[in-house]
């Protein structure tokens, strides 16, 4: 009797170990995909925020270009309002605008890389979004039924993400 219980325990542990080798669970795939999408969204919102800052900088620069360079103006630096002249503030604003533009370019590059990673991840785990490609989904369901009958190379089921 003891031999039977230990052999059934051994078969359970080997089957659970075999399941772990096949890859992450559907919940883990969805969680990773959602995290990657959220990272891309946060990059996009940061880029939009910086674009607004560039627009504000441009408005101020255009306004200050028409003003006498010796005229005093105020600038917010680290939460402190500082009195300066236009000729001191204008180059600093133009420099800040250039730096922000470089940061936006960097964020856009990172977003493109993240987009490619997301696409590769979606293809690897056959992830479909809800409402995406309704006609395409019907064609894929016919293909997946062919695959499940042994006619196709893929054996895993797709993951549907809302």
Foldseek 3Di string as FASTA:
>chain_A
DVVVVVVVVVVVVVVVVVVVVVDDDLVVLQVVLVVLVVVLVVLVVVLVVLVVVLVVLVVVLVVLVPDDQQDWDWDQDPNDIDIDGSVVVNVVSVVVSVVSVVVSVVSVVVSVVSVVVSVVSCVVQVEDEPPPPPVVVVVVVVVVVCVCVVNDDDDHDHHYHD
